[in-house]
Amino acid sequence: MNLQILRAKLTRVERQRTKLEQQIKTGSRKQFDALPAKVGLKSIDELILELMPYASPRVRAKVGLNGNGATAPAAARVGRGKRSDAEKSTGTRYTEDTKQAIKQALEKGGLTVAQISEKFGASSFSINQWKKRWGLTKARKKK
């Protein structure tokens, strides 16, 4: 085949791809716009706020909401504010309230670290590190 013919075909396919992407975007927009009316709400924002109690703790923290749907105080928000390069952390910072709630859940028992992780949004690794720091781990038996 001639190189020019192949380029012409490619151009046609790219135009068709662009047209299809636009149709997908338009269709998605129509579907999302229709969602609130299906459940008796006026806007997407109202729908999101209604769904927020069912969101994971990580999503609520990302959006800046606490457990009851109210806006969390600025000090309790995760990942907010700018830090200098020397102060930047490589992970999420958890509030003392969150850590205390996790500590109480560990002391109370009945839940695994994975379940506590899912409930509070902290990783299992972080919780296990805190357990060591708080002295809530048992020493292994020596062989």
C-alpha atoms as a PDB file:
ATOM      1  CA  MET A   1       0.000   0.000   0.000  1.00  0.00           C
ATOM      2  CA  ASN A   2       0.986   3.524  -0.658  1.00  0.00           C
ATOM      3  CA  LEU A   3       2.140   5.580   2.323  1.00  0.00           C
ATOM      4  CA  GLN A   4      -0.160   8.471   1.389  1.00  0.00           C
ATOM      5  CA  ILE A   5      -3.181   6.158   1.373  1.00  0.00           C
ATOM      6  CA  LEU A   6      -2.284   4.881   4.823  1.00  0.00           C
ATOM      7  CA  ARG A   7      -1.914   8.446   6.139  1.00  0.00           C
ATOM      8  CA  ALA A   8      -5.294   9.385   4.665  1.00  0.00           C
ATOM      9  CA  LYS A   9      -6.907   6.365   6.356  1.00  0.00           C
ATOM     10  CA  LEU A  10      -5.258   7.277   9.639  1.00  0.00           C
ATOM     11  CA  THR A  11      -6.575  10.842   9.370  1.00  0.00           C
ATOM     12  CA  ARG A  12     -10.122   9.530   8.745  1.00  0.00           C
ATOM     13  CA  VAL A  13      -9.870   7.156  11.709  1.00  0.00           C
ATOM     14  CA  GLU A  14      -8.565   9.943  13.962  1.00  0.00           C
ATOM     15  CA  ARG A  15     -11.462  12.220  12.915  1.00  0.00           C
ATOM     16  CA  GLN A  16     -13.903   9.394  13.626  1.00  0.00           C
ATOM     17  CA  ARG A  17     -12.239   8.767  16.998  1.00  0.00           C
ATOM     18  CA  THR A  18     -12.563  12.461  17.920  1.00  0.00           C
ATOM     19  CA  LYS A  19     -16.218  12.426  16.888  1.00  0.00           C
ATOM     20  CA  LEU A  20     -16.896   9.282  18.966  1.00  0.00           C
ATOM     21  CA  GLU A  21     -15.133  10.754  21.994  1.00  0.00           C
ATOM     22  CA  GLN A  22     -17.336  13.849  21.726  1.00  0.00           C
ATOM     23  CA  GLN A  23     -20.454  11.647  21.527  1.00  0.00           C
ATOM     24  CA  ILE A  24     -19.331   9.745  24.619  1.00  0.00           C
ATOM     25  CA  LYS A  25     -18.689  12.996  26.498  1.00  0.00           C
ATOM     26  CA  THR A  26     -22.105  14.376  25.514  1.00  0.00           C
ATOM     27  CA  GLY A  27     -23.850  11.122  26.433  1.00  0.00           C
ATOM     28  CA  SER A  28     -22.090  10.968  29.805  1.00  0.00           C
ATOM     29  CA  ARG A  29     -23.031  14.577  30.544  1.00  0.00           C
ATOM     30  CA  LYS A  30     -26.705  13.844  29.768  1.00  0.00           C
ATOM     31  CA  GLN A  31     -26.677  10.748  31.997  1.00  0.00           C
ATOM     32  CA  PHE A  32     -25.053  12.580  34.911  1.00  0.00           C
ATOM     33  CA  ASP A  33     -27.392  15.545  34.529  1.00  0.00           C
ATOM     34  CA  ALA A  34     -30.395  13.196  34.676  1.00  0.00           C
ATOM     35  CA  LEU A  35     -29.247  11.353  37.829  1.00  0.00           C
ATOM     36  CA  PRO A  36     -30.467  13.825  40.483  1.00  0.00           C
ATOM     37  CA  ALA A  37     -33.981  13.976  38.999  1.00  0.00           C
ATOM     38  CA  LYS A  38     -34.224  10.174  39.124  1.00  0.00           C
ATOM     39  CA  VAL A  39     -33.912  10.287  42.930  1.00  0.00           C
ATOM     40  CA  GLY A  40     -35.895  13.478  43.454  1.00  0.00           C
ATOM     41  CA  LEU A  41     -33.056  15.986  43.820  1.00  0.00           C
ATOM     42  CA  LYS A  42     -32.351  19.232  42.003  1.00  0.00           C
ATOM     43  CA  SER A  43     -28.631  19.113  41.315  1.00  0.00           C
ATOM     44  CA  ILE A  44     -25.525  16.946  41.207  1.00  0.00           C
ATOM     45  CA  ASP A  45     -24.248  18.777  44.303  1.00  0.00           C
ATOM     46  CA  GLU A  46     -27.342  17.724  46.273  1.00  0.00           C
ATOM     47  CA  LEU A  47     -26.878  14.140  45.075  1.00  0.00           C
ATOM     48  CA  ILE A  48     -23.239  14.118  46.182  1.00  0.00           C
ATOM     49  CA  LEU A  49     -24.151  15.499  49.605  1.00  0.00           C
ATOM     50  CA  GLU A  50     -26.871  12.868  50.003  1.00  0.00           C
ATOM     51  CA  LEU A  51     -24.403  10.104  49.109  1.00  0.00           C
ATOM     52  CA  MET A  52     -21.569  11.420  51.309  1.00  0.00           C
ATOM     53  CA  PRO A  53     -22.598   9.475  54.471  1.00  0.00           C
ATOM     54  CA  TYR A  54     -22.047   6.278  52.474  1.00  0.00           C
ATOM     55  CA  ALA A  55     -18.606   7.307  51.228  1.00  0.00           C
ATOM     56  CA  SER A  56     -15.422   5.840  52.662  1.00  0.00           C
ATOM     57  CA  PRO A  57     -13.520   7.817  55.324  1.00  0.00           C
ATOM     58  CA  ARG A  58     -10.822   8.560  52.752  1.00  0.00           C
ATOM     59  CA  VAL A  59     -13.287  10.163  50.356  1.00  0.00           C
ATOM     60  CA  ARG A  60     -14.888  12.177  53.168  1.00  0.00           C
ATOM     61  CA  ALA A  61     -11.432  13.366  54.282  1.00  0.00           C
ATOM     62  CA  LYS A  62     -10.516  14.267  50.703  1.00  0.00           C
ATOM     63  CA  VAL A  63     -13.675  16.326  50.337  1.00  0.00           C
ATOM     64  CA  GLY A  64     -13.112  17.894  53.768  1.00  0.00           C
ATOM     65  CA  LEU A  65     -16.183  16.462  55.493  1.00  0.00           C
ATOM     66  CA  ASN A  66     -16.305  14.761  58.848  1.00  0.00           C
ATOM     67  CA  GLY A  67     -18.446  11.722  59.666  1.00  0.00           C
ATOM     68  CA  ASN A  68     -21.756  13.609  60.084  1.00  0.00           C
ATOM     69  CA  GLY A  69     -21.547  15.444  56.751  1.00  0.00           C
ATOM     70  CA  ALA A  70     -20.453  18.800  58.165  1.00  0.00           C
ATOM     71  CA  THR A  71     -17.325  20.518  56.957  1.00  0.00           C
ATOM     72  CA  ALA A  72     -14.365  19.475  59.059  1.00  0.00           C
ATOM     73  CA  PRO A  73     -12.365  22.190  60.836  1.00  0.00           C
ATOM     74  CA  ALA A  74      -9.319  23.284  58.863  1.00  0.00           C
ATOM     75  CA  ALA A  75      -6.931  21.755  61.410  1.00  0.00           C
ATOM     76  CA  ALA A  76      -8.567  18.345  61.046  1.00  0.00           C
ATOM     77  CA  ARG A  77      -8.480  18.243  57.253  1.00  0.00           C
ATOM     78  CA  VAL A  78      -6.008  15.867  55.737  1.00  0.00           C
ATOM     79  CA  GLY A  79      -3.458  17.143  53.226  1.00  0.00           C
ATOM     80  CA  ARG A  80      -4.418  20.832  53.410  1.00  0.00           C
ATOM     81  CA  GLY A  81      -2.047  23.779  53.361  1.00  0.00           C
ATOM     82  CA  LYS A  82       1.363  24.247  51.799  1.00  0.00           C
ATOM     83  CA  ARG A  83       4.601  23.035  53.283  1.00  0.00           C
ATOM     84  CA  SER A  84       8.164  23.854  52.431  1.00  0.00           C
ATOM     85  CA  ASP A  85      10.218  21.151  50.721  1.00  0.00           C
ATOM     86  CA  ALA A  86      11.901  20.294  54.038  1.00  0.00           C
ATOM     87  CA  GLU A  87       8.515  19.808  55.767  1.00  0.00           C
ATOM     88  CA  LYS A  88       6.716  17.834  53.058  1.00  0.00           C
ATOM     89  CA  SER A  89       5.554  14.419  54.156  1.00  0.00           C
ATOM     90  CA  THR A  90       5.441  11.442  51.887  1.00  0.00           C
ATOM     91  CA  GLY A  91       2.076  10.243  53.206  1.00  0.00           C
ATOM     92  CA  THR A  92      -1.184  11.236  54.817  1.00  0.00           C
ATOM     93  CA  ARG A  93      -1.193  12.962  58.183  1.00  0.00           C
ATOM     94  CA  TYR A  94      -3.899  11.837  60.599  1.00  0.00           C
ATOM     95  CA  THR A  95      -5.395  14.013  63.323  1.00  0.00           C
ATOM     96  CA  GLU A  96      -4.926  13.140  66.971  1.00  0.00           C
ATOM     97  CA  ASP A  97      -8.679  12.501  67.206  1.00  0.00           C
ATOM     98  CA  THR A  98      -8.436   9.861  64.482  1.00  0.00           C
ATOM     99  CA  LYS A  99      -5.425   8.244  66.127  1.00  0.00           C
ATOM    100  CA  GLN A 100      -7.168   8.198  69.517  1.00  0.00           C
ATOM    101  CA  ALA A 101     -10.266   6.593  68.000  1.00  0.00           C
ATOM    102  CA  ILE A 102      -8.069   3.936  66.364  1.00  0.00           C
ATOM    103  CA  LYS A 103      -6.232   3.342  69.650  1.00  0.00           C
ATOM    104  CA  GLN A 104      -9.544   2.910  71.490  1.00  0.00           C
ATOM    105  CA  ALA A 105     -10.758   0.449  68.855  1.00  0.00           C
ATOM    106  CA  LEU A 106      -7.538  -1.544  69.207  1.00  0.00           C
ATOM    107  CA  GLU A 107      -7.762  -1.582  73.001  1.00  0.00           C
ATOM    108  CA  LYS A 108     -11.445  -2.544  72.922  1.00  0.00           C
ATOM    109  CA  GLY A 109     -10.738  -5.487  70.630  1.00  0.00           C
ATOM    110  CA  GLY A 110     -13.214  -7.346  68.467  1.00  0.00           C
ATOM    111  CA  LEU A 111     -11.963  -5.830  65.193  1.00  0.00           C
ATOM    112  CA  THR A 112      -8.982  -6.801  63.104  1.00  0.00           C
ATOM    113  CA  VAL A 113      -6.438  -4.243  61.947  1.00  0.00           C
ATOM    114  CA  ALA A 114      -7.873  -4.575  58.426  1.00  0.00           C
ATOM    115  CA  GLN A 115     -11.386  -3.800  59.680  1.00  0.00           C
ATOM    116  CA  ILE A 116     -10.134  -0.797  61.664  1.00  0.00           C
ATOM    117  CA  SER A 117      -8.228   0.344  58.579  1.00  0.00           C
ATOM    118  CA  GLU A 118     -11.405   0.201  56.484  1.00  0.00           C
ATOM    119  CA  LYS A 119     -13.439   1.998  59.150  1.00  0.00           C
ATOM    120  CA  PHE A 120     -11.057   4.924  59.762  1.00  0.00           C
ATOM    121  CA  GLY A 121      -9.256   5.156  56.403  1.00  0.00           C
ATOM    122  CA  ALA A 122      -5.729   4.697  57.767  1.00  0.00           C
ATOM    123  CA  SER A 123      -3.571   2.009  56.193  1.00  0.00           C
ATOM    124  CA  SER A 124      -2.918  -1.277  57.986  1.00  0.00           C
ATOM    125  CA  PHE A 125       0.786  -0.475  57.917  1.00  0.00           C
ATOM    126  CA  SER A 126       0.219   2.837  59.743  1.00  0.00           C
ATOM    127  CA  ILE A 127      -2.007   1.188  62.335  1.00  0.00           C
ATOM    128  CA  ASN A 128       0.570  -1.538  62.990  1.00  0.00           C
ATOM    129  CA  GLN A 129       3.287   1.119  63.393  1.00  0.00           C
ATOM    130  CA  TRP A 130       1.102   3.001  65.884  1.00  0.00           C
ATOM    131  CA  LYS A 131       0.414  -0.254  67.776  1.00  0.00           C
ATOM    132  CA  LYS A 132       4.172  -0.711  68.247  1.00  0.00           C
ATOM    133  CA  ARG A 133       4.583   2.922  69.325  1.00  0.00           C
ATOM    134  CA  TRP A 134       1.693   2.622  71.813  1.00  0.00           C
ATOM    135  CA  GLY A 135       2.993  -0.667  73.206  1.00  0.00           C
ATOM    136  CA  LEU A 136      -0.035  -2.666  72.095  1.00  0.00           C
ATOM    137  CA  THR A 137       1.945  -5.516  70.528  1.00  0.00           C
ATOM    138  CA  LYS A 138       3.016  -8.748  72.150  1.00  0.00           C
ATOM    139  CA  ALA A 139       6.611  -9.954  72.088  1.00  0.00           C
ATOM    140  CA  ARG A 140       7.222 -13.119  70.098  1.00  0.00           C
ATOM    141  CA  LYS A 141       8.362 -16.226  71.847  1.00  0.00           C
ATOM    142  CA  LYS A 142      12.020 -16.976  71.288  1.00  0.00           C
ATOM    143  CA  LYS A 143      12.910 -20.373  69.853  1.00  0.00           C
END
